[in-house]
Amino acid sequence: MAWAIASRGKNLLTASRRLVAAPLRSLTLKLTLAFALVGLIGVLLVTLMIALRTRAEFNRFLSTRDQTILLDALRDYYAKQGGWQGVEGMLAENPQLLFYSRSIALADAQGTIVLGHPIIRANKQLSSEQIGQSTPVQVNDQLAGYMLVLNRSAGLGGAGGPAPPEIAFLQRVTWASAISGLFAVLIAVLLGVLLARSLTRPIRELTLATQAMAGGQLDQQVVVRSRDDIGVLAASFNH
């Protein structure tokens, strides 16, 4: 009889370990993965929004600054030369001005393109709408031409060599956002593991108690740590 009871208790102990311990590990893993996924999605969304907003605001700042520098250079050139002949060569001699000029088209006072762009070729005529969107180039209170900003991204590729300081800055900001996001994900995973363990601790104690009971130790009690479903389960077990 004693042998049968011991054998039965051993079988119950084995079954308890198989049926309870495996779901426990599964629950911990699922909770950890859930927290990690939520943290990853949140970080990616925040990083994407910050990157897009930073790029948009920085491009706006660069556009305003570049237009001012380029407009002043064009005014000085027209005042010295009395026309736009050779303006492309002047811009090519200055890498900074050349970079700025890749996003604009320049027309004379009659609206004829003298400095073309991939979107608008030279010798074409600006439409009335395009003239309305252009910045007048005034020299000595007289209209010398129109500067039409078309697409800043056309000048981002360059023709080899190091990236302009503005583009390098944006690249560094992007990398910094990505690295910060990775650290945030690691922290989220760590917190998820700690939280998952705290949630599964009462279940682990119940598992050990049921295993002890299956081994013949019937005077088992567990600590009721909360009033949620797991706490109710622990109280029911003690009762």
Protein backbone atom coordinates (compact mmCIF):
# COMPACT_ATOMS: atom_id res chain seq x y z
CA MET A 1 0.00 0.00 0.00
CA ALA A 2 2.79 2.40 0.96
CA TRP A 3 4.59 1.56 -2.28
CA ALA A 4 1.45 2.34 -4.31
CA ILE A 5 0.97 5.70 -2.55
CA ALA A 6 4.60 6.62 -3.12
CA SER A 7 4.39 5.59 -6.76
CA ARG A 8 1.22 7.58 -7.26
CA GLY A 9 2.79 10.61 -5.60
CA LYS A 10 5.81 10.32 -7.87
CA ASN A 11 3.59 10.16 -10.93
CA LEU A 12 1.68 13.23 -9.78
CA LEU A 13 4.94 15.07 -9.18
CA THR A 14 6.16 14.30 -12.71
CA ALA A 15 2.87 15.30 -14.27
CA SER A 16 2.80 18.52 -12.30
CA ARG A 17 6.27 19.47 -13.47
CA ARG A 18 5.39 18.78 -17.08
CA LEU A 19 2.00 20.48 -17.13
CA VAL A 20 2.76 23.51 -14.95
CA ALA A 21 6.45 24.34 -15.41
CA ALA A 22 6.29 24.42 -19.23
CA PRO A 23 3.36 26.89 -19.38
CA LEU A 24 5.19 28.99 -16.79
CA ARG A 25 8.21 29.34 -19.03
CA SER A 26 5.92 30.02 -21.95
CA LEU A 27 4.09 32.79 -20.07
CA THR A 28 7.36 34.46 -19.08
CA LEU A 29 8.60 34.32 -22.65
CA LYS A 30 5.33 35.65 -24.04
CA LEU A 31 5.25 38.54 -21.59
CA THR A 32 8.88 39.40 -22.30
CA LEU A 33 8.33 39.32 -26.05
CA ALA A 34 5.16 41.38 -25.70
CA PHE A 35 6.94 44.12 -23.74
CA ALA A 36 9.87 44.04 -26.15
CA LEU A 37 7.55 44.33 -29.16
CA VAL A 38 5.61 47.23 -27.65
CA GLY A 39 8.85 48.99 -26.75
CA LEU A 40 10.31 48.39 -30.20
CA ILE A 41 7.23 49.70 -32.01
CA GLY A 42 7.09 52.76 -29.77
CA VAL A 43 10.76 53.54 -30.22
CA LEU A 44 10.58 53.10 -33.99
CA LEU A 45 7.59 55.40 -34.27
CA VAL A 46 9.16 58.06 -32.06
CA THR A 47 12.49 57.81 -33.89
CA LEU A 48 10.76 58.07 -37.26
CA MET A 49 8.72 61.09 -36.20
CA ILE A 50 11.77 62.83 -34.72
CA ALA A 51 13.88 62.10 -37.81
CA LEU A 52 11.21 63.35 -40.22
CA ARG A 53 10.50 66.45 -38.17
CA THR A 54 14.18 67.24 -37.72
CA ARG A 55 14.88 66.82 -41.42
CA ALA A 56 11.90 68.97 -42.41
CA GLU A 57 12.78 71.81 -40.03
CA PHE A 58 16.48 71.63 -40.89
CA ASN A 59 15.74 71.69 -44.61
CA ARG A 60 13.54 74.72 -44.08
CA PHE A 61 16.32 76.47 -42.19
CA LEU A 62 18.87 75.55 -44.86
CA SER A 63 16.55 76.63 -47.65
CA THR A 64 16.10 80.09 -46.13
CA ARG A 65 19.79 80.50 -45.41
CA ASP A 66 20.91 79.16 -48.79
CA GLN A 67 18.53 81.37 -50.70
CA THR A 68 19.83 84.45 -48.89
CA ILE A 69 23.48 83.59 -49.58
CA LEU A 70 22.81 82.69 -53.20
CA LEU A 71 20.62 85.73 -53.79
CA ASP A 72 23.32 88.06 -52.46
CA ALA A 73 25.93 86.39 -54.68
CA LEU A 74 23.70 86.74 -57.76
CA ARG A 75 23.02 90.40 -57.01
CA ASP A 76 26.74 91.12 -56.66
CA TYR A 77 27.50 89.29 -59.90
CA TYR A 78 24.82 91.14 -61.86
CA ALA A 79 25.93 94.50 -60.43
CA LYS A 80 29.52 93.86 -61.54
CA GLN A 81 28.83 92.23 -64.92
CA GLY A 82 25.69 94.10 -65.93
CA GLY A 83 24.04 90.84 -67.03
CA TRP A 84 23.81 87.10 -66.46
CA GLN A 85 26.41 86.01 -69.05
CA GLY A 86 28.85 83.60 -67.42
CA VAL A 87 26.88 83.25 -64.19
CA GLU A 88 27.11 79.45 -64.38
CA GLY A 89 30.91 79.65 -64.45
CA MET A 90 30.93 81.94 -61.43
CA LEU A 91 28.82 79.48 -59.46
CA ALA A 92 31.01 76.54 -60.54
CA GLU A 93 34.08 78.24 -59.05
CA ASN A 94 32.50 78.29 -55.58
CA PRO A 95 31.55 74.79 -54.30
CA GLN A 96 29.15 76.24 -51.75
CA LEU A 97 27.29 78.38 -54.29
CA LEU A 98 27.32 75.51 -56.78
CA PHE A 99 25.68 73.25 -54.21
CA TYR A 100 23.01 75.87 -53.46
CA SER A 101 22.36 76.57 -57.15
CA ARG A 102 21.43 72.93 -57.87
CA SER A 103 18.02 73.55 -56.37
CA ILE A 104 17.13 76.71 -58.30
CA ALA A 105 16.48 78.01 -61.78
CA LEU A 106 17.48 81.56 -62.72
CA ALA A 107 15.63 83.70 -65.23
CA ASP A 108 16.26 87.19 -66.56
CA ALA A 109 13.90 90.13 -66.15
CA GLN A 110 11.82 88.89 -69.10
CA GLY A 111 11.35 85.46 -67.51
CA THR A 112 13.70 83.57 -69.84
CA ILE A 113 15.71 80.84 -68.09
CA VAL A 114 19.43 81.67 -68.11
CA LEU A 115 20.47 79.05 -65.55
CA GLY A 116 18.60 75.82 -66.09
CA HIS A 117 17.52 72.97 -63.83
CA PRO A 118 16.67 69.32 -64.63
CA ILE A 119 13.00 70.29 -64.30
CA ILE A 120 13.23 73.52 -66.34
CA ARG A 121 15.74 73.75 -69.17
CA ALA A 122 17.61 76.88 -70.18
CA ASN A 123 16.04 79.26 -72.72
CA LYS A 124 12.56 78.26 -71.61
CA GLN A 125 10.04 80.83 -70.49
CA LEU A 126 8.71 80.97 -66.94
CA SER A 127 4.95 80.80 -66.65
CA SER A 128 3.03 83.45 -64.78
CA GLU A 129 2.49 80.99 -61.94
CA GLN A 130 6.21 80.24 -61.73
CA ILE A 131 7.03 83.94 -61.74
CA GLY A 132 4.61 84.38 -58.84
CA GLN A 133 6.46 81.64 -56.93
CA SER A 134 9.90 83.10 -57.68
CA THR A 135 12.04 85.51 -55.68
CA PRO A 136 12.76 88.73 -57.60
CA VAL A 137 16.44 89.60 -57.94
CA GLN A 138 16.65 93.35 -57.37
CA VAL A 139 19.84 95.26 -58.24
CA ASN A 140 19.91 99.00 -57.55
CA ASP A 141 16.12 99.02 -57.20
CA GLN A 142 15.75 97.48 -60.67
CA LEU A 143 14.48 94.01 -61.56
CA ALA A 144 17.37 91.88 -62.80
CA GLY A 145 15.71 88.49 -62.85
CA TYR A 146 13.88 85.77 -60.96
CA MET A 147 15.20 82.97 -58.77
CA LEU A 148 12.87 79.97 -58.65
CA VAL A 149 13.49 77.33 -55.97
CA LEU A 150 12.50 73.97 -57.39
CA ASN A 151 13.88 71.00 -55.47
CA ARG A 152 16.52 71.04 -52.81
CA SER A 153 17.04 67.25 -53.02
CA ALA A 154 18.46 67.63 -56.51
CA GLY A 155 21.65 68.94 -54.95
CA LEU A 156 22.03 66.28 -52.29
CA GLY A 157 23.76 63.69 -54.38
CA GLY A 158 26.77 65.73 -55.33
CA ALA A 159 29.42 64.60 -57.73
CA GLY A 160 31.58 62.55 -55.37
CA GLY A 161 33.74 63.65 -52.49
CA PRO A 162 32.66 64.19 -48.91
CA ALA A 163 29.09 65.06 -48.10
CA PRO A 164 28.29 68.72 -47.44
CA PRO A 165 28.25 69.72 -43.75
CA GLU A 166 24.47 70.00 -43.77
CA ILE A 167 24.01 66.44 -45.06
CA ALA A 168 26.66 65.12 -42.68
CA PHE A 169 24.77 66.76 -39.82
CA LEU A 170 21.52 65.07 -40.83
CA GLN A 171 23.31 61.72 -41.09
CA ARG A 172 24.73 62.12 -37.59
CA VAL A 173 21.30 63.01 -36.24
CA THR A 174 19.81 59.92 -37.89
CA TRP A 175 22.52 57.66 -36.48
CA ALA A 176 22.11 59.19 -33.02
CA SER A 177 18.36 58.58 -33.16
CA ALA A 178 18.90 54.97 -34.23
CA ILE A 179 21.44 54.28 -31.47
CA SER A 180 19.16 55.90 -28.89
CA GLY A 181 16.34 53.71 -30.16
CA LEU A 182 18.45 50.57 -29.73
CA PHE A 183 19.30 51.51 -26.16
CA ALA A 184 15.63 52.18 -25.49
CA VAL A 185 14.71 48.74 -26.84
CA LEU A 186 17.34 47.08 -24.61
CA ILE A 187 15.97 48.91 -21.59
CA ALA A 188 12.42 47.93 -22.55
CA VAL A 189 13.47 44.26 -22.84
CA LEU A 190 15.21 44.41 -19.44
CA LEU A 191 12.18 45.97 -17.79
CA GLY A 192 9.96 43.44 -19.55
CA VAL A 193 11.98 40.55 -18.16
CA LEU A 194 11.85 41.97 -14.63
CA LEU A 195 8.13 42.64 -14.86
CA ALA A 196 7.45 39.23 -16.38
CA ARG A 197 9.33 37.54 -13.54
CA SER A 198 7.42 39.54 -10.95
CA LEU A 199 4.14 38.49 -12.56
CA THR A 200 5.09 34.82 -12.80
CA ARG A 201 6.60 34.58 -9.30
CA PRO A 202 3.26 33.73 -7.62
CA ILE A 203 2.65 31.09 -10.28
CA ARG A 204 6.09 29.66 -9.65
CA GLU A 205 5.35 29.46 -5.91
CA LEU A 206 2.07 27.71 -6.63
CA THR A 207 3.90 25.29 -8.89
CA LEU A 208 6.42 24.42 -6.17
CA ALA A 209 3.62 24.03 -3.61
CA THR A 210 1.65 21.65 -5.84
CA GLN A 211 4.79 19.66 -6.53
CA ALA A 212 5.45 19.39 -2.79
CA MET A 213 1.88 18.24 -2.22
CA ALA A 214 2.25 15.68 -4.96
CA GLY A 215 5.31 14.42 -3.06
CA GLY A 216 3.27 13.91 0.10
CA GLN A 217 3.81 17.22 1.90
CA LEU A 218 0.24 18.36 2.36
CA ASP A 219 0.83 21.31 4.72
CA GLN A 220 1.63 23.78 1.94
CA GLN A 221 0.74 27.47 2.00
CA VAL A 222 1.69 30.24 -0.42
CA VAL A 223 1.94 33.98 0.10
CA VAL A 224 -0.98 35.97 -1.32
CA ARG A 225 0.82 38.93 -2.92
CA SER A 226 -2.08 40.65 -4.70
CA ARG A 227 -5.83 40.80 -5.09
CA ASP A 228 -5.92 40.06 -8.80
CA ASP A 229 -6.73 36.73 -10.44
CA ILE A 230 -3.44 35.20 -9.39
CA GLY A 231 -4.00 36.38 -5.80
CA VAL A 232 -7.45 34.79 -5.81
CA LEU A 233 -5.92 31.58 -7.11
CA ALA A 234 -3.30 31.62 -4.33
CA ALA A 235 -5.98 32.22 -1.67
CA SER A 236 -8.08 29.38 -3.09
CA PHE A 237 -5.05 27.10 -2.99
CA ASN A 238 -4.40 27.97 0.67
CA HIS A 239 -8.06 27.34 1.54
